[in-house]
């Protein structure tokens, strides 16, 4: 005879699985820890944009050179100014910035704007002088800036003769440091013309032209 098992009058309660409860507790604690780490910045939020990589100084110099070649002087100035913030001890950057600032003054419309831009150029080249007081190109460029600043000041109704004399001293210093500095010779001859020293200017121009021709033939 088959005896069927008796059914319980009431359903029995399922016993809690201790391992499952322990797992949930661990997950909750891990979630709390993860949120704290994100808030502290130790862990980045998912899908957060990565920081923009810092551009190199050569990148800005290349951009500045390209803009200058294209005649976009304001863009060239901005690029070189960015380069100075990356490495304020780069002499070539300060020299090139001062040179472009000087050229760009010719494109400004008022005397006040031109004088301000040339004063900015003088500040730039003065930084280079502090970094490299015995560098020929630094003094040559400072002579160039001072000569243009003198011309702009003269057009504004002033006559700063001492500025032109200082420009001559800078050009002379550049040639003492490097007698082969062709740009230094060119700047020196320009200053001589402004001082109406025609014979000295003519002699320097001829010397500069001959040296430039020799360099080109030698290449």
N, C-alpha and C. Protein backbone atom coordinates (compact mmCIF):
# COMPACT_ATOMS: atom_id res chain seq x y z
N UNK A 1 0.85 -1.19 0.00
CA UNK A 1 0.00 0.00 0.00
C UNK A 1 0.88 1.24 0.00
N UNK A 2 0.52 2.16 -0.91
CA UNK A 2 1.31 3.40 -1.02
C UNK A 2 0.70 4.47 -0.15
N UNK A 3 1.54 5.00 0.73
CA UNK A 3 1.05 6.06 1.62
C UNK A 3 1.64 7.39 1.16
N UNK A 4 0.79 8.30 0.79
CA UNK A 4 1.26 9.63 0.35
C UNK A 4 1.69 10.45 1.54
N UNK A 5 2.76 11.25 1.36
CA UNK A 5 3.21 12.09 2.49
C UNK A 5 2.18 13.18 2.79
N UNK A 6 2.09 13.44 4.03
CA UNK A 6 1.13 14.48 4.42
C UNK A 6 1.67 15.85 4.03
N UNK A 7 0.72 16.65 3.51
CA UNK A 7 1.10 18.03 3.18
C UNK A 7 1.00 18.91 4.41
N UNK A 8 1.92 19.82 4.48
CA UNK A 8 1.89 20.73 5.62
C UNK A 8 0.73 21.71 5.46
N UNK A 9 0.08 21.98 6.55
CA UNK A 9 -1.05 22.91 6.50
C UNK A 9 -0.60 24.33 6.16
N UNK A 10 0.60 24.71 6.50
CA UNK A 10 1.14 26.06 6.24
C UNK A 10 2.45 25.93 5.47
N UNK A 11 2.69 26.91 4.52
CA UNK A 11 3.96 26.90 3.78
C UNK A 11 5.11 27.23 4.72
N UNK A 12 6.20 26.52 4.59
CA UNK A 12 7.37 26.82 5.41
C UNK A 12 8.13 28.02 4.84
N UNK A 13 8.60 28.92 5.68
CA UNK A 13 9.38 30.08 5.25
C UNK A 13 10.77 29.63 4.80
N UNK A 14 11.17 30.20 3.65
CA UNK A 14 12.52 29.89 3.16
C UNK A 14 13.56 30.53 4.07
N UNK A 15 14.52 29.73 4.39
CA UNK A 15 15.58 30.26 5.23
C UNK A 15 16.49 31.20 4.44
N UNK A 16 16.92 32.35 5.04
CA UNK A 16 17.80 33.32 4.37
C UNK A 16 19.16 32.69 4.11
N UNK A 17 19.67 32.95 2.90
CA UNK A 17 20.99 32.46 2.54
C UNK A 17 22.04 33.43 3.07
N UNK A 18 22.80 33.01 4.07
CA UNK A 18 23.78 33.90 4.71
C UNK A 18 24.84 34.39 3.73
N UNK A 19 25.22 33.53 2.78
CA UNK A 19 26.24 33.94 1.80
C UNK A 19 25.74 35.05 0.89
N UNK A 20 24.43 34.97 0.51
CA UNK A 20 23.85 36.00 -0.35
C UNK A 20 23.77 37.33 0.38
N UNK A 21 23.42 37.30 1.64
CA UNK A 21 23.35 38.53 2.43
C UNK A 21 24.74 39.15 2.57
N UNK A 22 25.73 38.29 2.81
CA UNK A 22 27.09 38.79 2.94
C UNK A 22 27.58 39.44 1.64
N UNK A 23 27.22 38.84 0.50
CA UNK A 23 27.59 39.39 -0.80
C UNK A 23 26.97 40.77 -1.02
N UNK A 24 25.70 40.91 -0.67
CA UNK A 24 25.04 42.22 -0.83
C UNK A 24 25.69 43.28 0.05
N UNK A 25 26.06 42.91 1.25
CA UNK A 25 26.72 43.87 2.15
C UNK A 25 28.04 44.33 1.55
N UNK A 26 28.80 43.41 0.97
CA UNK A 26 30.09 43.75 0.35
C UNK A 26 29.89 44.70 -0.84
N UNK A 27 28.86 44.41 -1.63
CA UNK A 27 28.60 45.27 -2.79
C UNK A 27 28.21 46.67 -2.36
N UNK A 28 27.41 46.78 -1.33
CA UNK A 28 26.99 48.10 -0.82
C UNK A 28 28.19 48.87 -0.31
N UNK A 29 29.06 48.19 0.48
CA UNK A 29 30.26 48.86 1.01
C UNK A 29 31.20 49.28 -0.11
N UNK A 30 31.34 48.45 -1.15
CA UNK A 30 32.20 48.80 -2.29
C UNK A 30 31.65 50.00 -3.04
N UNK A 31 30.33 50.07 -3.16
CA UNK A 31 29.72 51.21 -3.83
C UNK A 31 29.94 52.50 -3.08
N UNK A 32 29.81 52.43 -1.74
CA UNK A 32 30.06 53.63 -0.91
C UNK A 32 31.51 54.08 -1.04
N UNK A 33 32.44 53.13 -1.01
CA UNK A 33 33.87 53.47 -1.16
C UNK A 33 34.14 54.11 -2.52
N UNK A 34 33.54 53.57 -3.59
CA UNK A 34 33.75 54.08 -4.94
C UNK A 34 33.24 55.51 -5.07
N UNK A 35 32.07 55.79 -4.48
CA UNK A 35 31.52 57.15 -4.53
C UNK A 35 32.43 58.13 -3.81
N UNK A 36 32.97 57.71 -2.66
CA UNK A 36 33.89 58.58 -1.91
C UNK A 36 35.16 58.88 -2.70
N UNK A 37 35.68 57.87 -3.39
CA UNK A 37 36.90 58.06 -4.18
C UNK A 37 36.66 59.00 -5.36
N UNK A 38 35.49 58.90 -5.98
CA UNK A 38 35.16 59.80 -7.09
C UNK A 38 35.04 61.23 -6.60
N UNK A 39 34.38 61.41 -5.44
CA UNK A 39 34.22 62.76 -4.88
C UNK A 39 35.57 63.38 -4.52
N UNK A 40 36.50 62.54 -4.05
CA UNK A 40 37.83 63.05 -3.69
C UNK A 40 38.70 63.32 -4.92
N UNK A 41 38.29 62.81 -6.08
CA UNK A 41 39.08 63.00 -7.29
C UNK A 41 40.10 61.91 -7.52
N UNK A 42 40.13 60.92 -6.64
CA UNK A 42 41.09 59.83 -6.81
C UNK A 42 40.74 58.97 -8.00
N UNK A 43 39.46 58.91 -8.32
CA UNK A 43 39.00 58.14 -9.48
C UNK A 43 38.19 59.07 -10.37
N UNK A 44 38.47 59.08 -11.67
CA UNK A 44 37.73 59.92 -12.59
C UNK A 44 36.37 59.32 -12.88
N UNK A 45 35.42 60.19 -13.11
CA UNK A 45 34.08 59.73 -13.46
C UNK A 45 34.11 59.05 -14.83
N UNK A 46 33.32 58.02 -15.03
CA UNK A 46 33.31 57.37 -16.35
C UNK A 46 32.79 58.31 -17.42
N UNK A 47 33.34 58.16 -18.62
CA UNK A 47 32.96 58.96 -19.79
C UNK A 47 33.35 60.43 -19.65
N UNK A 48 34.16 60.77 -18.64
CA UNK A 48 34.61 62.15 -18.50
C UNK A 48 35.70 62.43 -19.53
N UNK A 49 35.62 63.60 -20.16
CA UNK A 49 36.60 63.96 -21.19
C UNK A 49 37.99 64.04 -20.59
N UNK A 50 38.96 63.48 -21.26
CA UNK A 50 40.34 63.52 -20.77
C UNK A 50 40.89 64.92 -20.94
N UNK A 51 41.81 65.36 -20.05
CA UNK A 51 42.36 66.70 -20.15
C UNK A 51 43.10 66.90 -21.46
N UNK A 52 43.03 68.14 -21.98
CA UNK A 52 43.69 68.47 -23.23
C UNK A 52 45.20 68.44 -23.05
N UNK A 53 45.95 67.73 -23.88
CA UNK A 53 47.40 67.68 -23.72
C UNK A 53 48.04 69.05 -23.92
N UNK A 54 49.08 69.33 -23.15
CA UNK A 54 49.77 70.61 -23.24
C UNK A 54 50.60 70.67 -24.51
N UNK A 55 50.49 71.78 -25.25
CA UNK A 55 51.26 71.93 -26.48
C UNK A 55 52.70 72.24 -26.15
N UNK A 56 53.59 71.80 -26.99
CA UNK A 56 55.01 72.05 -26.78
C UNK A 56 55.37 73.44 -27.27
N UNK A 57 56.50 73.94 -26.79
CA UNK A 57 56.95 75.27 -27.20
C UNK A 57 57.28 75.30 -28.69
N UNK A 58 57.80 74.18 -29.22
CA UNK A 58 58.10 74.13 -30.66
C UNK A 58 56.85 74.24 -31.51
N UNK A 59 55.75 73.73 -30.98
CA UNK A 59 54.48 73.83 -31.69
C UNK A 59 54.06 75.29 -31.85
N UNK A 60 54.20 76.06 -30.77
CA UNK A 60 53.85 77.49 -30.84
C UNK A 60 54.83 78.26 -31.73
N UNK A 61 56.12 77.89 -31.66
CA UNK A 61 57.11 78.57 -32.50
C UNK A 61 56.83 78.30 -33.98
N UNK A 62 56.48 77.07 -34.30
CA UNK A 62 56.16 76.72 -35.69
C UNK A 62 54.93 77.49 -36.16
N UNK A 63 53.94 77.57 -35.28
CA UNK A 63 52.72 78.32 -35.62
C UNK A 63 53.04 79.80 -35.81
N UNK A 64 53.89 80.34 -34.94
CA UNK A 64 54.27 81.75 -35.06
C UNK A 64 55.02 82.04 -36.34
N UNK A 65 55.95 81.16 -36.72
CA UNK A 65 56.71 81.34 -37.96
C UNK A 65 55.79 81.27 -39.17
N UNK A 66 54.86 80.31 -39.16
CA UNK A 66 53.94 80.15 -40.29
C UNK A 66 53.03 81.38 -40.42
N UNK A 67 52.55 81.88 -39.29
CA UNK A 67 51.68 83.06 -39.31
C UNK A 67 52.44 84.29 -39.80
N UNK A 68 53.69 84.43 -39.35
CA UNK A 68 54.50 85.57 -39.79
C UNK A 68 54.76 85.51 -41.29
N UNK A 69 55.08 84.33 -41.80
CA UNK A 69 55.32 84.16 -43.23
C UNK A 69 54.07 84.49 -44.04
N UNK A 70 52.90 84.16 -43.47
CA UNK A 70 51.64 84.42 -44.15
C UNK A 70 51.17 85.87 -43.98
N UNK A 71 51.93 86.66 -43.23
CA UNK A 71 51.56 88.06 -43.04
C UNK A 71 50.54 88.27 -41.93
N UNK A 72 50.27 87.21 -41.15
CA UNK A 72 49.31 87.32 -40.05
C UNK A 72 50.08 87.62 -38.76
N UNK A 73 50.44 88.89 -38.60
CA UNK A 73 51.36 89.26 -37.52
C UNK A 73 50.73 89.17 -36.14
N UNK A 74 49.45 89.50 -36.02
CA UNK A 74 48.81 89.42 -34.71
C UNK A 74 48.75 87.96 -34.24
N UNK A 75 48.45 87.05 -35.16
CA UNK A 75 48.43 85.63 -34.81
C UNK A 75 49.83 85.14 -34.45
N UNK A 76 50.83 85.65 -35.16
CA UNK A 76 52.22 85.27 -34.86
C UNK A 76 52.62 85.75 -33.46
N UNK A 77 52.22 86.96 -33.13
CA UNK A 77 52.53 87.50 -31.80
C UNK A 77 51.87 86.66 -30.72
N UNK A 78 50.61 86.30 -30.92
CA UNK A 78 49.89 85.49 -29.94
C UNK A 78 50.58 84.14 -29.72
N UNK A 79 51.02 83.52 -30.82
CA UNK A 79 51.68 82.22 -30.71
C UNK A 79 52.99 82.33 -29.93
N UNK A 80 53.78 83.35 -30.21
CA UNK A 80 55.05 83.52 -29.49
C UNK A 80 54.83 83.92 -28.03
N UNK A 81 53.77 84.66 -27.77
CA UNK A 81 53.47 84.98 -26.37
C UNK A 81 53.10 83.72 -25.60
N UNK A 82 52.37 82.82 -26.24
CA UNK A 82 52.06 81.54 -25.60
C UNK A 82 53.35 80.75 -25.34
N UNK A 83 54.27 80.83 -26.28
CA UNK A 83 55.55 80.12 -26.13
C UNK A 83 56.33 80.64 -24.93
N UNK A 84 56.26 81.95 -24.68
CA UNK A 84 56.98 82.52 -23.53
C UNK A 84 56.40 82.05 -22.20
N UNK A 85 55.11 81.72 -22.18
CA UNK A 85 54.51 81.23 -20.94
C UNK A 85 54.96 79.80 -20.64
N UNK A 86 55.27 79.03 -21.70
CA UNK A 86 55.74 77.66 -21.50
C UNK A 86 57.19 77.65 -21.04
N UNK A 87 58.02 78.47 -21.69
CA UNK A 87 59.43 78.55 -21.31
C UNK A 87 59.89 80.01 -21.37
N UNK A 88 59.77 80.72 -20.26
CA UNK A 88 60.17 82.14 -20.25
C UNK A 88 61.67 82.36 -20.35
N UNK A 89 62.45 81.28 -20.37
CA UNK A 89 63.91 81.41 -20.46
C UNK A 89 64.44 81.15 -21.87
N UNK A 90 63.54 80.99 -22.84
CA UNK A 90 63.95 80.75 -24.22
C UNK A 90 64.29 82.08 -24.88
N UNK A 91 65.56 82.31 -25.12
CA UNK A 91 66.03 83.59 -25.66
C UNK A 91 65.50 83.83 -27.07
N UNK A 92 65.55 82.79 -27.91
CA UNK A 92 65.11 82.95 -29.30
C UNK A 92 63.65 83.36 -29.40
N UNK A 93 62.83 82.87 -28.50
CA UNK A 93 61.41 83.24 -28.51
C UNK A 93 61.23 84.72 -28.22
N UNK A 94 61.95 85.23 -27.23
CA UNK A 94 61.84 86.66 -26.91
C UNK A 94 62.36 87.53 -28.05
N UNK A 95 63.45 87.10 -28.68
CA UNK A 95 64.01 87.87 -29.80
C UNK A 95 63.02 87.92 -30.96
N UNK A 96 62.46 86.77 -31.30
CA UNK A 96 61.53 86.72 -32.43
C UNK A 96 60.24 87.47 -32.12
N UNK A 97 59.77 87.38 -30.89
CA UNK A 97 58.57 88.11 -30.48
C UNK A 97 58.80 89.62 -30.61
N UNK A 98 59.95 90.10 -30.14
CA UNK A 98 60.25 91.54 -30.23
C UNK A 98 60.33 91.99 -31.68
N UNK A 99 60.92 91.17 -32.53
CA UNK A 99 61.06 91.52 -33.95
C UNK A 99 59.69 91.63 -34.63
N UNK A 100 58.81 90.66 -34.36
CA UNK A 100 57.48 90.67 -34.98
C UNK A 100 56.63 91.81 -34.42
N UNK A 101 56.75 92.06 -33.12
CA UNK A 101 56.02 93.18 -32.54
C UNK A 101 56.45 94.50 -33.18
N UNK A 102 57.73 94.61 -33.47
CA UNK A 102 58.23 95.83 -34.11
C UNK A 102 57.66 96.00 -35.51
N UNK A 103 57.72 94.95 -36.31
CA UNK A 103 57.16 95.02 -37.66
C UNK A 103 55.66 95.31 -37.63
N UNK A 104 54.95 94.70 -36.69
CA UNK A 104 53.50 94.85 -36.64
C UNK A 104 53.08 96.27 -36.30
N UNK A 105 53.96 97.05 -35.66
CA UNK A 105 53.60 98.43 -35.30
C UNK A 105 53.28 99.26 -36.53
N UNK A 106 53.84 98.88 -37.68
CA UNK A 106 53.61 99.63 -38.91
C UNK A 106 52.19 99.46 -39.43
N UNK A 107 51.50 98.42 -38.95
CA UNK A 107 50.15 98.15 -39.42
C UNK A 107 49.08 98.80 -38.55
N UNK A 108 49.48 99.37 -37.44
CA UNK A 108 48.52 100.01 -36.53
C UNK A 108 48.19 101.41 -37.02
N UNK A 109 47.02 101.89 -36.64
CA UNK A 109 46.49 103.11 -37.27
C UNK A 109 46.85 104.42 -36.56
N UNK A 110 47.06 104.40 -35.27
CA UNK A 110 47.33 105.64 -34.55
C UNK A 110 48.74 105.64 -33.97
N UNK A 111 49.24 106.83 -33.72
CA UNK A 111 50.57 106.97 -33.13
C UNK A 111 50.63 106.32 -31.74
N UNK A 112 49.54 106.48 -30.98
CA UNK A 112 49.50 105.91 -29.63
C UNK A 112 49.60 104.39 -29.68
N UNK A 113 48.90 103.77 -30.62
CA UNK A 113 48.95 102.32 -30.76
C UNK A 113 50.34 101.85 -31.18
N UNK A 114 50.95 102.59 -32.11
CA UNK A 114 52.30 102.22 -32.57
C UNK A 114 53.31 102.32 -31.43
N UNK A 115 53.23 103.40 -30.68
CA UNK A 115 54.16 103.58 -29.57
C UNK A 115 53.98 102.49 -28.51
N UNK A 116 52.74 102.13 -28.23
CA UNK A 116 52.48 101.07 -27.25
C UNK A 116 53.04 99.73 -27.73
N UNK A 117 52.82 99.41 -29.01
CA UNK A 117 53.32 98.14 -29.53
C UNK A 117 54.85 98.11 -29.51
N UNK A 118 55.48 99.21 -29.85
CA UNK A 118 56.94 99.26 -29.85
C UNK A 118 57.50 99.20 -28.43
N UNK A 119 56.75 99.75 -27.48
CA UNK A 119 57.18 99.64 -26.09
C UNK A 119 57.07 98.19 -25.63
N UNK A 120 56.04 97.48 -26.11
CA UNK A 120 55.92 96.05 -25.81
C UNK A 120 57.09 95.27 -26.41
N UNK A 121 57.50 95.68 -27.62
CA UNK A 121 58.65 95.03 -28.25
C UNK A 121 59.92 95.27 -27.45
N UNK A 122 60.06 96.49 -26.93
CA UNK A 122 61.24 96.80 -26.11
C UNK A 122 61.24 95.99 -24.82
N UNK A 123 60.06 95.82 -24.22
CA UNK A 123 59.96 94.99 -23.02
C UNK A 123 60.36 93.54 -23.32
N UNK A 124 59.94 93.05 -24.48
CA UNK A 124 60.26 91.67 -24.86
C UNK A 124 61.77 91.48 -25.03
N UNK A 125 62.40 92.40 -25.75
CA UNK A 125 63.84 92.25 -26.01
C UNK A 125 64.64 92.51 -24.74
N UNK A 126 64.12 93.33 -23.84
CA UNK A 126 64.80 93.54 -22.56
C UNK A 126 64.84 92.25 -21.75
N UNK A 127 63.79 91.43 -21.87
CA UNK A 127 63.81 90.12 -21.20
C UNK A 127 64.93 89.25 -21.76
N UNK A 128 65.14 89.33 -23.08
CA UNK A 128 66.21 88.56 -23.70
C UNK A 128 67.58 89.06 -23.25
N UNK A 129 67.72 90.36 -23.08
CA UNK A 129 69.00 90.94 -22.62
C UNK A 129 69.33 90.43 -21.22
N UNK A 130 68.31 90.34 -20.37
CA UNK A 130 68.54 89.84 -19.01
C UNK A 130 68.99 88.39 -19.02
N UNK A 131 68.46 87.62 -19.97
CA UNK A 131 68.81 86.20 -20.06
C UNK A 131 70.15 85.97 -20.74
N UNK A 132 70.48 86.82 -21.73
CA UNK A 132 71.72 86.61 -22.50
C UNK A 132 72.38 87.96 -22.79
N UNK A 133 73.04 88.55 -21.81
CA UNK A 133 73.64 89.88 -22.01
C UNK A 133 74.81 89.90 -22.98
N UNK A 134 75.34 88.74 -23.34
CA UNK A 134 76.48 88.69 -24.26
C UNK A 134 76.13 88.01 -25.58
N UNK A 135 74.87 88.03 -25.95
CA UNK A 135 74.42 87.43 -27.20
C UNK A 135 74.29 88.51 -28.27
N UNK A 136 75.01 88.35 -29.38
CA UNK A 136 75.04 89.36 -30.43
C UNK A 136 73.66 89.67 -31.00
N UNK A 137 72.87 88.62 -31.31
CA UNK A 137 71.57 88.85 -31.93
C UNK A 137 70.61 89.56 -31.00
N UNK A 138 70.77 89.36 -29.70
CA UNK A 138 69.92 90.05 -28.72
C UNK A 138 70.15 91.56 -28.81
N UNK A 139 71.41 91.97 -28.83
CA UNK A 139 71.72 93.40 -28.89
C UNK A 139 71.37 93.98 -30.27
N UNK A 140 71.55 93.19 -31.32
CA UNK A 140 71.17 93.66 -32.66
C UNK A 140 69.68 93.93 -32.73
N UNK A 141 68.90 93.03 -32.17
CA UNK A 141 67.44 93.20 -32.20
C UNK A 141 67.01 94.37 -31.32
N UNK A 142 67.69 94.57 -30.22
CA UNK A 142 67.36 95.72 -29.37
C UNK A 142 67.67 97.03 -30.10
N UNK A 143 68.75 97.05 -30.86
CA UNK A 143 69.07 98.24 -31.67
C UNK A 143 67.96 98.49 -32.69
N UNK A 144 67.49 97.43 -33.31
CA UNK A 144 66.40 97.50 -34.29
C UNK A 144 65.13 98.07 -33.66
N UNK A 145 64.77 97.56 -32.47
CA UNK A 145 63.56 98.02 -31.78
C UNK A 145 63.69 99.49 -31.40
N UNK A 146 64.83 99.86 -30.86
CA UNK A 146 65.04 101.26 -30.44
C UNK A 146 64.99 102.22 -31.63
N UNK A 147 65.52 101.79 -32.77
CA UNK A 147 65.50 102.65 -33.95
C UNK A 147 64.06 102.90 -34.42
N UNK A 148 63.25 101.86 -34.45
CA UNK A 148 61.86 102.03 -34.85
C UNK A 148 61.07 102.82 -33.81
N UNK A 149 61.39 102.60 -32.54
CA UNK A 149 60.72 103.36 -31.48
C UNK A 149 61.07 104.84 -31.58
N UNK A 150 62.31 105.13 -31.91
CA UNK A 150 62.73 106.52 -32.11
C UNK A 150 61.96 107.15 -33.28
N UNK A 151 61.82 106.41 -34.38
CA UNK A 151 61.10 106.94 -35.54
C UNK A 151 59.64 107.22 -35.22
N UNK A 152 59.00 106.29 -34.50
CA UNK A 152 57.59 106.47 -34.15
C UNK A 152 57.41 107.63 -33.18
N UNK A 153 58.34 107.77 -32.24
CA UNK A 153 58.26 108.87 -31.29
C UNK A 153 58.48 110.21 -31.99
N UNK A 154 59.36 110.22 -32.98
CA UNK A 154 59.63 111.43 -33.75
C UNK A 154 58.37 111.86 -34.52
N UNK A 155 57.68 110.88 -35.11
CA UNK A 155 56.45 111.18 -35.85
C UNK A 155 55.34 111.66 -34.92
N UNK A 156 55.42 111.26 -33.66
CA UNK A 156 54.41 111.69 -32.69
C UNK A 156 54.68 113.09 -32.15
N UNK A 157 55.72 113.74 -32.70
CA UNK A 157 56.00 115.13 -32.32
C UNK A 157 57.08 115.28 -31.28
N UNK A 158 57.83 114.22 -30.99
CA UNK A 158 58.91 114.30 -30.01
C UNK A 158 60.24 114.06 -30.73
N UNK A 159 61.32 114.35 -30.04
CA UNK A 159 62.65 114.16 -30.64
C UNK A 159 63.59 113.55 -29.60
N UNK A 160 63.45 112.25 -29.36
CA UNK A 160 64.27 111.59 -28.35
C UNK A 160 65.64 111.21 -28.91
N UNK A 161 66.56 112.13 -28.97
CA UNK A 161 67.87 111.87 -29.57
C UNK A 161 68.64 110.80 -28.80
N UNK A 162 68.44 110.77 -27.48
CA UNK A 162 69.17 109.79 -26.67
C UNK A 162 68.78 108.36 -27.06
N UNK A 163 67.54 108.16 -27.51
CA UNK A 163 67.10 106.83 -27.91
C UNK A 163 67.86 106.34 -29.13
N UNK A 164 68.09 107.23 -30.09
CA UNK A 164 68.82 106.86 -31.30
C UNK A 164 70.29 106.59 -30.97
N UNK A 165 70.83 107.35 -30.05
CA UNK A 165 72.21 107.11 -29.62
C UNK A 165 72.33 105.75 -28.92
N UNK A 166 71.31 105.40 -28.14
CA UNK A 166 71.31 104.09 -27.47
C UNK A 166 71.20 102.96 -28.49
N UNK A 167 70.42 103.20 -29.55
CA UNK A 167 70.29 102.20 -30.61
C UNK A 167 71.64 101.96 -31.28
N UNK A 168 72.40 103.03 -31.51
CA UNK A 168 73.73 102.89 -32.12
C UNK A 168 74.66 102.09 -31.20
N UNK A 169 74.58 102.36 -29.90
CA UNK A 169 75.41 101.63 -28.95
C UNK A 169 75.09 100.13 -28.97
N UNK A 170 73.81 99.82 -29.06
CA UNK A 170 73.40 98.42 -29.09
C UNK A 170 73.89 97.73 -30.36
N UNK A 171 73.79 98.42 -31.49
CA UNK A 171 74.26 97.83 -32.75
C UNK A 171 75.77 97.63 -32.73
N UNK A 172 76.48 98.60 -32.17
CA UNK A 172 77.93 98.48 -32.05
C UNK A 172 78.31 97.30 -31.16
N UNK A 173 77.57 97.14 -30.06
CA UNK A 173 77.83 96.02 -29.14
C UNK A 173 77.58 94.69 -29.84
N UNK A 174 76.53 94.62 -30.65
CA UNK A 174 76.22 93.39 -31.38
C UNK A 174 77.36 93.00 -32.31
N UNK A 175 77.93 93.98 -33.00
CA UNK A 175 79.02 93.70 -33.94
C UNK A 175 80.34 93.41 -33.23
N UNK A 176 80.50 93.95 -32.04
CA UNK A 176 81.68 93.60 -31.25
C UNK A 176 81.63 92.13 -30.82
N UNK A 177 80.42 91.66 -30.50
CA UNK A 177 80.26 90.28 -30.07
C UNK A 177 80.35 89.31 -31.25
N UNK A 178 79.90 89.76 -32.42
CA UNK A 178 79.95 88.90 -33.61
C UNK A 178 80.07 89.79 -34.84
N UNK A 179 81.28 89.89 -35.35
CA UNK A 179 81.52 90.74 -36.51
C UNK A 179 80.91 90.22 -37.78
N UNK A 180 80.41 88.97 -37.77
CA UNK A 180 79.78 88.37 -38.94
C UNK A 180 78.25 88.46 -38.89
N UNK A 181 77.72 89.16 -37.92
CA UNK A 181 76.27 89.27 -37.75
C UNK A 181 75.70 90.19 -38.85
N UNK A 182 75.19 89.58 -39.92
CA UNK A 182 74.71 90.36 -41.07
C UNK A 182 73.51 91.22 -40.69
N UNK A 183 72.60 90.68 -39.91
CA UNK A 183 71.45 91.47 -39.49
C UNK A 183 71.88 92.65 -38.62
N UNK A 184 72.88 92.40 -37.77
CA UNK A 184 73.41 93.49 -36.95
C UNK A 184 73.97 94.61 -37.82
N UNK A 185 74.66 94.24 -38.90
CA UNK A 185 75.19 95.25 -39.83
C UNK A 185 74.06 96.02 -40.50
N UNK A 186 73.00 95.30 -40.90
CA UNK A 186 71.87 95.95 -41.56
C UNK A 186 71.20 96.95 -40.63
N UNK A 187 71.01 96.54 -39.37
CA UNK A 187 70.39 97.45 -38.40
C UNK A 187 71.30 98.65 -38.13
N UNK A 188 72.61 98.38 -38.06
CA UNK A 188 73.56 99.46 -37.82
C UNK A 188 73.53 100.49 -38.96
N UNK A 189 73.47 100.01 -40.19
CA UNK A 189 73.44 100.93 -41.33
C UNK A 189 72.15 101.74 -41.33
N UNK A 190 71.05 101.14 -40.94
CA UNK A 190 69.78 101.87 -40.86
C UNK A 190 69.86 102.99 -39.83
N UNK A 191 70.50 102.69 -38.71
CA UNK A 191 70.67 103.71 -37.66
C UNK A 191 71.57 104.83 -38.16
N UNK A 192 72.61 104.47 -38.89
CA UNK A 192 73.50 105.49 -39.45
C UNK A 192 72.75 106.43 -40.40
N UNK A 193 71.85 105.86 -41.18
CA UNK A 193 71.05 106.69 -42.10
C UNK A 193 70.16 107.64 -41.31
N UNK A 194 69.54 107.15 -40.24
CA UNK A 194 68.68 108.00 -39.42
C UNK A 194 69.48 109.12 -38.75
N UNK A 195 70.77 108.86 -38.49
CA UNK A 195 71.62 109.88 -37.90
C UNK A 195 72.30 110.75 -38.96
N UNK A 196 71.97 110.46 -40.22
CA UNK A 196 72.52 111.19 -41.38
C UNK A 196 74.05 111.06 -41.46
N UNK A 197 74.53 109.91 -41.04
CA UNK A 197 75.95 109.60 -41.19
C UNK A 197 76.10 108.78 -42.46
N UNK A 198 76.05 109.46 -43.59
CA UNK A 198 75.92 108.81 -44.89
C UNK A 198 77.11 107.92 -45.23
N UNK A 199 78.33 108.41 -44.97
CA UNK A 199 79.51 107.64 -45.37
C UNK A 199 79.60 106.33 -44.57
N UNK A 200 79.34 106.40 -43.26
CA UNK A 200 79.38 105.19 -42.44
C UNK A 200 78.29 104.22 -42.86
N UNK A 201 77.10 104.77 -43.17
CA UNK A 201 75.99 103.92 -43.60
C UNK A 201 76.32 103.22 -44.91
N UNK A 202 76.92 103.97 -45.86
CA UNK A 202 77.26 103.40 -47.16
C UNK A 202 78.30 102.29 -47.01
N UNK A 203 79.30 102.54 -46.19
CA UNK A 203 80.34 101.55 -45.97
C UNK A 203 79.77 100.27 -45.36
N UNK A 204 78.88 100.43 -44.37
CA UNK A 204 78.29 99.26 -43.71
C UNK A 204 77.39 98.49 -44.67
N UNK A 205 76.64 99.22 -45.50
CA UNK A 205 75.74 98.57 -46.46
C UNK A 205 76.52 97.73 -47.45
N UNK A 206 77.63 98.28 -47.95
CA UNK A 206 78.46 97.54 -48.91
C UNK A 206 79.05 96.30 -48.26
N UNK A 207 79.54 96.46 -47.03
CA UNK A 207 80.13 95.32 -46.31
C UNK A 207 79.09 94.24 -46.07
N UNK A 208 77.89 94.67 -45.68
CA UNK A 208 76.80 93.72 -45.43
C UNK A 208 76.43 92.96 -46.70
N UNK A 209 76.34 93.69 -47.81
CA UNK A 209 75.97 93.07 -49.09
C UNK A 209 77.02 92.05 -49.52
N UNK A 210 78.29 92.38 -49.35
CA UNK A 210 79.36 91.47 -49.75
C UNK A 210 79.35 90.21 -48.89
N UNK A 211 79.15 90.37 -47.61
CA UNK A 211 79.14 89.21 -46.72
C UNK A 211 77.92 88.33 -47.00
N UNK A 212 76.80 88.98 -47.27
CA UNK A 212 75.60 88.22 -47.60
C UNK A 212 75.80 87.43 -48.88
N UNK A 213 76.49 88.04 -49.87
CA UNK A 213 76.75 87.36 -51.13
C UNK A 213 77.69 86.19 -50.93
N UNK A 214 78.70 86.37 -50.10
CA UNK A 214 79.64 85.28 -49.81
C UNK A 214 78.94 84.10 -49.15
N UNK A 215 78.04 84.40 -48.21
CA UNK A 215 77.31 83.34 -47.53
C UNK A 215 76.45 82.56 -48.50
N UNK A 216 75.82 83.28 -49.43
CA UNK A 216 74.95 82.61 -50.40
C UNK A 216 75.77 81.76 -51.38
N UNK A 217 76.91 82.26 -51.80
CA UNK A 217 77.76 81.50 -52.72
C UNK A 217 78.34 80.28 -52.02
N UNK A 218 78.65 80.45 -50.75
CA UNK A 218 79.26 79.35 -49.99
C UNK A 218 78.32 78.21 -49.71
N UNK A 219 76.98 78.43 -49.83
CA UNK A 219 76.02 77.38 -49.54
C UNK A 219 75.96 76.38 -50.68
